Amino acid sequence: MTAEEIAAQKQELINFYKESSKSLKVQLEYEKLITEIEEVRLQRLVAQMRIAQLMAPAPENEEEDEPAPKKTLKRS
């Protein structure tokens, strides 16, 4: 390849990258928006779970009054 052909090929590559970056910028904006939406959905879900936990009645466990059995290590 001659120097002129290499320069022409290099310019074609530069033009390709410039055109591609336009659509990539749009895709990046789209992905950022989707990420923000998912983060807000997660925050809403966490808030709903906290409210549900606060509104739920306390569990009635009779086993809590009894002490747990003491565990010992076996000697070999």
PDB file of N, CA and C in Angstrom:
ATOM      1  N   MET A   1       0.837  -1.191   0.000  1.00  0.00           N
ATOM      2  CA  MET A   1       0.000   0.000   0.000  1.00  0.00           C
ATOM      3  C   MET A   1       0.877   1.248   0.000  1.00  0.00           C
ATOM      4  N   THR A   2       0.408   2.224  -0.722  1.00  0.00           N
ATOM      5  CA  THR A   2       1.145   3.484  -0.778  1.00  0.00           C
ATOM      6  C   THR A   2       0.759   4.356   0.420  1.00  0.00           C
ATOM      7  N   ALA A   3       1.507   5.394   0.626  1.00  0.00           N
ATOM      8  CA  ALA A   3       1.232   6.312   1.733  1.00  0.00           C
ATOM      9  C   ALA A   3      -0.126   6.981   1.557  1.00  0.00           C
ATOM     10  N   GLU A   4      -0.478   7.268   0.287  1.00  0.00           N
ATOM     11  CA  GLU A   4      -1.771   7.901   0.008  1.00  0.00           C
ATOM     12  C   GLU A   4      -2.921   6.951   0.324  1.00  0.00           C
ATOM     13  N   GLU A   5      -2.778   5.665   0.014  1.00  0.00           N
ATOM     14  CA  GLU A   5      -3.816   4.672   0.302  1.00  0.00           C
ATOM     15  C   GLU A   5      -3.962   4.472   1.811  1.00  0.00           C
ATOM     16  N   ILE A   6      -2.847   4.483   2.504  1.00  0.00           N
ATOM     17  CA  ILE A   6      -2.898   4.344   3.965  1.00  0.00           C
ATOM     18  C   ILE A   6      -3.606   5.549   4.585  1.00  0.00           C
ATOM     19  N   ALA A   7      -3.300   6.737   4.083  1.00  0.00           N
ATOM     20  CA  ALA A   7      -3.946   7.952   4.588  1.00  0.00           C
ATOM     21  C   ALA A   7      -5.440   7.937   4.295  1.00  0.00           C
ATOM     22  N   ALA A   8      -5.819   7.466   3.107  1.00  0.00           N
ATOM     23  CA  ALA A   8      -7.238   7.389   2.751  1.00  0.00           C
ATOM     24  C   ALA A   8      -7.964   6.380   3.641  1.00  0.00           C
ATOM     25  N   GLN A   9      -7.320   5.251   3.875  1.00  0.00           N
ATOM     26  CA  GLN A   9      -7.929   4.220   4.726  1.00  0.00           C
ATOM     27  C   GLN A   9      -8.063   4.736   6.164  1.00  0.00           C
ATOM     28  N   LYS A  10      -7.055   5.464   6.623  1.00  0.00           N
ATOM     29  CA  LYS A  10      -7.095   6.032   7.967  1.00  0.00           C
ATOM     30  C   LYS A  10      -8.241   7.033   8.086  1.00  0.00           C
ATOM     31  N   GLN A  11      -8.427   7.856   7.051  1.00  0.00           N
ATOM     32  CA  GLN A  11      -9.508   8.841   7.072  1.00  0.00           C
ATOM     33  C   GLN A  11     -10.875   8.148   7.064  1.00  0.00           C
ATOM     34  N   GLU A  12     -11.008   7.070   6.319  1.00  0.00           N
ATOM     35  CA  GLU A  12     -12.256   6.311   6.303  1.00  0.00           C
ATOM     36  C   GLU A  12     -12.562   5.754   7.693  1.00  0.00           C
ATOM     37  N   LEU A  13     -11.538   5.269   8.348  1.00  0.00           N
ATOM     38  CA  LEU A  13     -11.707   4.723   9.690  1.00  0.00           C
ATOM     39  C   LEU A  13     -12.131   5.821  10.666  1.00  0.00           C
ATOM     40  N   ILE A  14     -11.505   6.985  10.568  1.00  0.00           N
ATOM     41  CA  ILE A  14     -11.868   8.118  11.427  1.00  0.00           C
ATOM     42  C   ILE A  14     -13.324   8.516  11.190  1.00  0.00           C
ATOM     43  N   ASN A  15     -13.733   8.594   9.930  1.00  0.00           N
ATOM     44  CA  ASN A  15     -15.121   8.941   9.612  1.00  0.00           C
ATOM     45  C   ASN A  15     -16.092   7.901  10.164  1.00  0.00           C
ATOM     46  N   PHE A  16     -15.722   6.627  10.068  1.00  0.00           N
ATOM     47  CA  PHE A  16     -16.566   5.560  10.604  1.00  0.00           C
ATOM     48  C   PHE A  16     -16.748   5.726  12.110  1.00  0.00           C
ATOM     49  N   TYR A  17     -15.647   6.005  12.818  1.00  0.00           N
ATOM     50  CA  TYR A  17     -15.731   6.167  14.268  1.00  0.00           C
ATOM     51  C   TYR A  17     -16.565   7.389  14.650  1.00  0.00           C
ATOM     52  N   LYS A  18     -16.447   8.456  13.886  1.00  0.00           N
ATOM     53  CA  LYS A  18     -17.238   9.659  14.178  1.00  0.00           C
ATOM     54  C   LYS A  18     -18.733   9.374  14.010  1.00  0.00           C
ATOM     55  N   GLU A  19     -19.083   8.678  12.941  1.00  0.00           N
ATOM     56  CA  GLU A  19     -20.490   8.344  12.717  1.00  0.00           C
ATOM     57  C   GLU A  19     -20.999   7.366  13.772  1.00  0.00           C
ATOM     58  N   SER A  20     -20.174   6.411  14.152  1.00  0.00           N
ATOM     59  CA  SER A  20     -20.570   5.417  15.157  1.00  0.00           C
ATOM     60  C   SER A  20     -20.744   6.054  16.527  1.00  0.00           C
ATOM     61  N   SER A  21     -19.905   7.019  16.847  1.00  0.00           N
ATOM     62  CA  SER A  21     -19.976   7.626  18.174  1.00  0.00           C
ATOM     63  C   SER A  21     -21.279   8.399  18.370  1.00  0.00           C
ATOM     64  N   LYS A  22     -21.875   8.883  17.294  1.00  0.00           N
ATOM     65  CA  LYS A  22     -23.160   9.574  17.416  1.00  0.00           C
ATOM     66  C   LYS A  22     -24.227   8.619  17.946  1.00  0.00           C
ATOM     67  N   SER A  23     -24.310   7.444  17.378  1.00  0.00           N
ATOM     68  CA  SER A  23     -25.317   6.493  17.835  1.00  0.00           C
ATOM     69  C   SER A  23     -24.952   5.928  19.204  1.00  0.00           C
ATOM     70  N   LEU A  24     -23.658   5.808  19.499  1.00  0.00           N
ATOM     71  CA  LEU A  24     -23.243   5.321  20.811  1.00  0.00           C
ATOM     72  C   LEU A  24     -23.590   6.315  21.912  1.00  0.00           C
ATOM     73  N   LYS A  25     -23.495   7.598  21.603  1.00  0.00           N
ATOM     74  CA  LYS A  25     -23.876   8.616  22.591  1.00  0.00           C
ATOM     75  C   LYS A  25     -25.367   8.524  22.901  1.00  0.00           C
ATOM     76  N   VAL A  26     -26.171   8.301  21.891  1.00  0.00           N
ATOM     77  CA  VAL A  26     -27.608   8.140  22.100  1.00  0.00           C
ATOM     78  C   VAL A  26     -27.865   6.887  22.933  1.00  0.00           C
ATOM     79  N   GLN A  27     -27.161   5.814  22.631  1.00  0.00           N
ATOM     80  CA  GLN A  27     -27.323   4.569  23.391  1.00  0.00           C
ATOM     81  C   GLN A  27     -26.902   4.765  24.846  1.00  0.00           C
ATOM     82  N   LEU A  28     -25.810   5.494  25.072  1.00  0.00           N
ATOM     83  CA  LEU A  28     -25.349   5.770  26.429  1.00  0.00           C
ATOM     84  C   LEU A  28     -26.400   6.533  27.218  1.00  0.00           C
ATOM     85  N   GLU A  29     -26.999   7.536  26.602  1.00  0.00           N
ATOM     86  CA  GLU A  29     -28.055   8.304  27.263  1.00  0.00           C
ATOM     87  C   GLU A  29     -29.233   7.389  27.609  1.00  0.00           C
ATOM     88  N   TYR A  30     -29.601   6.520  26.685  1.00  0.00           N
ATOM     89  CA  TYR A  30     -30.688   5.569  26.906  1.00  0.00           C
ATOM     90  C   TYR A  30     -30.367   4.651  28.090  1.00  0.00           C
ATOM     91  N   GLU A  31     -29.156   4.101  28.108  1.00  0.00           N
ATOM     92  CA  GLU A  31     -28.769   3.175  29.174  1.00  0.00           C
ATOM     93  C   GLU A  31     -28.749   3.882  30.530  1.00  0.00           C
ATOM     94  N   LYS A  32     -28.302   5.133  30.563  1.00  0.00           N
ATOM     95  CA  LYS A  32     -28.308   5.887  31.814  1.00  0.00           C
ATOM     96  C   LYS A  32     -29.727   6.102  32.318  1.00  0.00           C
ATOM     97  N   LEU A  33     -30.627   6.436  31.402  1.00  0.00           N
ATOM     98  CA  LEU A  33     -32.021   6.634  31.794  1.00  0.00           C
ATOM     99  C   LEU A  33     -32.640   5.344  32.322  1.00  0.00           C
ATOM    100  N   ILE A  34     -32.371   4.231  31.663  1.00  0.00           N
ATOM    101  CA  ILE A  34     -32.894   2.941  32.117  1.00  0.00           C
ATOM    102  C   ILE A  34     -32.355   2.615  33.508  1.00  0.00           C
ATOM    103  N   THR A  35     -31.072   2.888  33.728  1.00  0.00           N
ATOM    104  CA  THR A  35     -30.459   2.624  35.034  1.00  0.00           C
ATOM    105  C   THR A  35     -31.118   3.474  36.117  1.00  0.00           C
ATOM    106  N   GLU A  36     -31.351   4.740  35.833  1.00  0.00           N
ATOM    107  CA  GLU A  36     -32.007   5.619  36.808  1.00  0.00           C
ATOM    108  C   GLU A  36     -33.416   5.126  37.128  1.00  0.00           C
ATOM    109  N   ILE A  37     -34.137   4.680  36.116  1.00  0.00           N
ATOM    110  CA  ILE A  37     -35.485   4.162  36.333  1.00  0.00           C
ATOM    111  C   ILE A  37     -35.445   2.935  37.237  1.00  0.00           C
ATOM    112  N   GLU A  38     -34.522   2.026  36.992  1.00  0.00           N
ATOM    113  CA  GLU A  38     -34.411   0.819  37.811  1.00  0.00           C
ATOM    114  C   GLU A  38     -34.027   1.161  39.251  1.00  0.00           C
ATOM    115  N   GLU A  39     -33.161   2.152  39.437  1.00  0.00           N
ATOM    116  CA  GLU A  39     -32.778   2.555  40.785  1.00  0.00           C
ATOM    117  C   GLU A  39     -33.968   3.134  41.542  1.00  0.00           C
ATOM    118  N   VAL A  40     -34.786   3.923  40.878  1.00  0.00           N
ATOM    119  CA  VAL A  40     -35.967   4.504  41.515  1.00  0.00           C
ATOM    120  C   VAL A  40     -36.971   3.401  41.846  1.00  0.00           C
ATOM    121  N   ARG A  41     -37.131   2.436  40.963  1.00  0.00           N
ATOM    122  CA  ARG A  41     -38.024   1.304  41.251  1.00  0.00           C
ATOM    123  C   ARG A  41     -37.552   0.540  42.488  1.00  0.00           C
ATOM    124  N   LEU A  42     -36.242   0.338  42.592  1.00  0.00           N
ATOM    125  CA  LEU A  42     -35.689  -0.360  43.748  1.00  0.00           C
ATOM    126  C   LEU A  42     -35.957   0.429  45.025  1.00  0.00           C
ATOM    127  N   GLN A  43     -35.759   1.734  44.980  1.00  0.00           N
ATOM    128  CA  GLN A  43     -36.024   2.568  46.154  1.00  0.00           C
ATOM    129  C   GLN A  43     -37.493   2.460  46.575  1.00  0.00           C
ATOM    130  N   ARG A  44     -38.382   2.460  45.603  1.00  0.00           N
ATOM    131  CA  ARG A  44     -39.805   2.343  45.907  1.00  0.00           C
ATOM    132  C   ARG A  44     -40.113   0.990  46.538  1.00  0.00           C
ATOM    133  N   LEU A  45     -39.518  -0.071  46.008  1.00  0.00           N
ATOM    134  CA  LEU A  45     -39.730  -1.412  46.542  1.00  0.00           C
ATOM    135  C   LEU A  45     -39.211  -1.522  47.972  1.00  0.00           C
ATOM    136  N   VAL A  46     -38.041  -0.955  48.230  1.00  0.00           N
ATOM    137  CA  VAL A  46     -37.476  -0.979  49.583  1.00  0.00           C
ATOM    138  C   VAL A  46     -38.393  -0.225  50.544  1.00  0.00           C
ATOM    139  N   ALA A  47     -38.901   0.912  50.123  1.00  0.00           N
ATOM    140  CA  ALA A  47     -39.814   1.686  50.963  1.00  0.00           C
ATOM    141  C   ALA A  47     -41.080   0.892  51.260  1.00  0.00           C
ATOM    142  N   GLN A  48     -41.615   0.212  50.256  1.00  0.00           N
ATOM    143  CA  GLN A  48     -42.816  -0.601  50.463  1.00  0.00           C
ATOM    144  C   GLN A  48     -42.539  -1.746  51.440  1.00  0.00           C
ATOM    145  N   MET A  49     -41.370  -2.350  51.338  1.00  0.00           N
ATOM    146  CA  MET A  49     -41.027  -3.444  52.248  1.00  0.00           C
ATOM    147  C   MET A  49     -40.894  -2.929  53.680  1.00  0.00           C
ATOM    148  N   ARG A  50     -40.296  -1.763  53.863  1.00  0.00           N
ATOM    149  CA  ARG A  50     -40.157  -1.193  55.199  1.00  0.00           C
ATOM    150  C   ARG A  50     -41.526  -0.886  55.809  1.00  0.00           C
ATOM    151  N   ILE A  51     -42.407  -0.332  55.005  1.00  0.00           N
ATOM    152  CA  ILE A  51     -43.762  -0.045  55.489  1.00  0.00           C
ATOM    153  C   ILE A  51     -44.458  -1.334  55.884  1.00  0.00           C
ATOM    154  N   ALA A  52     -44.329  -2.371  55.057  1.00  0.00           N
ATOM    155  CA  ALA A  52     -44.963  -3.659  55.363  1.00  0.00           C
ATOM    156  C   ALA A  52     -44.410  -4.241  56.653  1.00  0.00           C
ATOM    157  N   GLN A  53     -43.110  -4.108  56.886  1.00  0.00           N
ATOM    158  CA  GLN A  53     -42.516  -4.625  58.121  1.00  0.00           C
ATOM    159  C   GLN A  53     -43.014  -3.851  59.335  1.00  0.00           C
ATOM    160  N   LEU A  54     -43.176  -2.548  59.186  1.00  0.00           N
ATOM    161  CA  LEU A  54     -43.673  -1.745  60.298  1.00  0.00           C
ATOM    162  C   LEU A  54     -45.134  -2.050  60.604  1.00  0.00           C
ATOM    163  N   MET A  55     -45.910  -2.347  59.583  1.00  0.00           N
ATOM    164  CA  MET A  55     -47.339  -2.595  59.749  1.00  0.00           C
ATOM    165  C   MET A  55     -47.632  -4.029  60.193  1.00  0.00           C
ATOM    166  N   ALA A  56     -46.683  -4.935  60.002  1.00  0.00           N
ATOM    167  CA  ALA A  56     -46.911  -6.346  60.328  1.00  0.00           C
ATOM    168  C   ALA A  56     -46.959  -6.523  61.836  1.00  0.00           C
ATOM    169  N   PRO A  57     -47.838  -7.424  62.291  1.00  0.00           N
ATOM    170  CA  PRO A  57     -47.890  -7.679  63.736  1.00  0.00           C
ATOM    171  C   PRO A  57     -46.615  -8.401  64.194  1.00  0.00           C
ATOM    172  N   ALA A  58     -46.301  -8.203  65.455  1.00  0.00           N
ATOM    173  CA  ALA A  58     -45.113  -8.854  66.012  1.00  0.00           C
ATOM    174  C   ALA A  58     -45.331 -10.362  66.035  1.00  0.00           C
ATOM    175  N   PRO A  59     -44.314 -11.144  65.731  1.00  0.00           N
ATOM    176  CA  PRO A  59     -44.472 -12.602  65.748  1.00  0.00           C
ATOM    177  C   PRO A  59     -44.654 -13.112  67.176  1.00  0.00           C
ATOM    178  N   GLU A  60     -45.508 -14.107  67.312  1.00  0.00           N
ATOM    179  CA  GLU A  60     -45.756 -14.703  68.624  1.00  0.00           C
ATOM    180  C   GLU A  60     -45.062 -16.048  68.680  1.00  0.00           C
ATOM    181  N   ASN A  61     -43.888 -16.073  69.277  1.00  0.00           N
ATOM    182  CA  ASN A  61     -43.115 -17.304  69.401  1.00  0.00           C
ATOM    183  C   ASN A  61     -43.015 -17.678  70.869  1.00  0.00           C
ATOM    184  N   GLU A  62     -43.500 -18.834  71.212  1.00  0.00           N
ATOM    185  CA  GLU A  62     -43.393 -19.312  72.583  1.00  0.00           C
ATOM    186  C   GLU A  62     -41.989 -19.828  72.857  1.00  0.00           C
ATOM    187  N   GLU A  63     -41.266 -20.177  71.818  1.00  0.00           N
ATOM    188  CA  GLU A  63     -39.937 -20.744  71.973  1.00  0.00           C
ATOM    189  C   GLU A  63     -38.926 -19.718  72.454  1.00  0.00           C
ATOM    190  N   GLU A  64     -39.211 -18.449  72.301  1.00  0.00           N
ATOM    191  CA  GLU A  64     -38.271 -17.414  72.693  1.00  0.00           C
ATOM    192  C   GLU A  64     -38.067 -17.382  74.205  1.00  0.00           C
ATOM    193  N   ASP A  65     -39.075 -17.794  74.964  1.00  0.00           N
ATOM    194  CA  ASP A  65     -38.975 -17.780  76.418  1.00  0.00           C
ATOM    195  C   ASP A  65     -38.036 -18.860  76.943  1.00  0.00           C
ATOM    196  N   GLU A  66     -37.907 -19.954  76.219  1.00  0.00           N
ATOM    197  CA  GLU A  66     -37.058 -21.058  76.656  1.00  0.00           C
ATOM    198  C   GLU A  66     -35.612 -20.795  76.235  1.00  0.00           C
ATOM    199  N   PRO A  67     -34.659 -21.053  77.138  1.00  0.00           N
ATOM    200  CA  PRO A  67     -33.262 -20.852  76.742  1.00  0.00           C
ATOM    201  C   PRO A  67     -32.820 -21.914  75.739  1.00  0.00           C
ATOM    202  N   ALA A  68     -31.928 -21.523  74.867  1.00  0.00           N
ATOM    203  CA  ALA A  68     -31.418 -22.446  73.864  1.00  0.00           C
ATOM    204  C   ALA A  68     -30.514 -23.459  74.541  1.00  0.00           C
ATOM    205  N   PRO A  69     -30.502 -24.714  74.061  1.00  0.00           N
ATOM    206  CA  PRO A  69     -29.636 -25.703  74.684  1.00  0.00           C
ATOM    207  C   PRO A  69     -28.174 -25.319  74.493  1.00  0.00           C
ATOM    208  N   LYS A  70     -27.383 -25.616  75.507  1.00  0.00           N
ATOM    209  CA  LYS A  70     -25.971 -25.262  75.470  1.00  0.00           C
ATOM    210  C   LYS A  70     -25.222 -26.268  74.605  1.00  0.00           C
ATOM    211  N   LYS A  71     -24.407 -25.756  73.692  1.00  0.00           N
ATOM    212  CA  LYS A  71     -23.642 -26.616  72.803  1.00  0.00           C
ATOM    213  C   LYS A  71     -22.213 -26.726  73.309  1.00  0.00           C
ATOM    214  N   THR A  72     -21.678 -27.937  73.227  1.00  0.00           N
ATOM    215  CA  THR A  72     -20.293 -28.151  73.625  1.00  0.00           C
ATOM    216  C   THR A  72     -19.550 -28.804  72.480  1.00  0.00           C
ATOM    217  N   LEU A  73     -18.246 -28.618  72.475  1.00  0.00           N
ATOM    218  CA  LEU A  73     -17.422 -29.227  71.448  1.00  0.00           C
ATOM    219  C   LEU A  73     -17.047 -30.635  71.869  1.00  0.00           C
ATOM    220  N   LYS A  74     -17.037 -31.540  70.936  1.00  0.00           N
ATOM    221  CA  LYS A  74     -16.616 -32.918  71.209  1.00  0.00           C
ATOM    222  C   LYS A  74     -15.099 -32.974  71.226  1.00  0.00           C
ATOM    223  N   ARG A  75     -14.574 -33.733  72.165  1.00  0.00           N
ATOM    224  CA  ARG A  75     -13.119 -33.914  72.225  1.00  0.00           C
ATOM    225  C   ARG A  75     -12.741 -35.180  71.502  1.00  0.00           C
ATOM    226  N   SER A  76     -11.656 -35.126  70.748  1.00  0.00           N
ATOM    227  CA  SER A  76     -11.229 -36.305  70.004  1.00  0.00           C
ATOM    228  C   SER A  76     -10.189 -37.082  70.764  1.00  0.00           C
TER     229      SER A  76
END
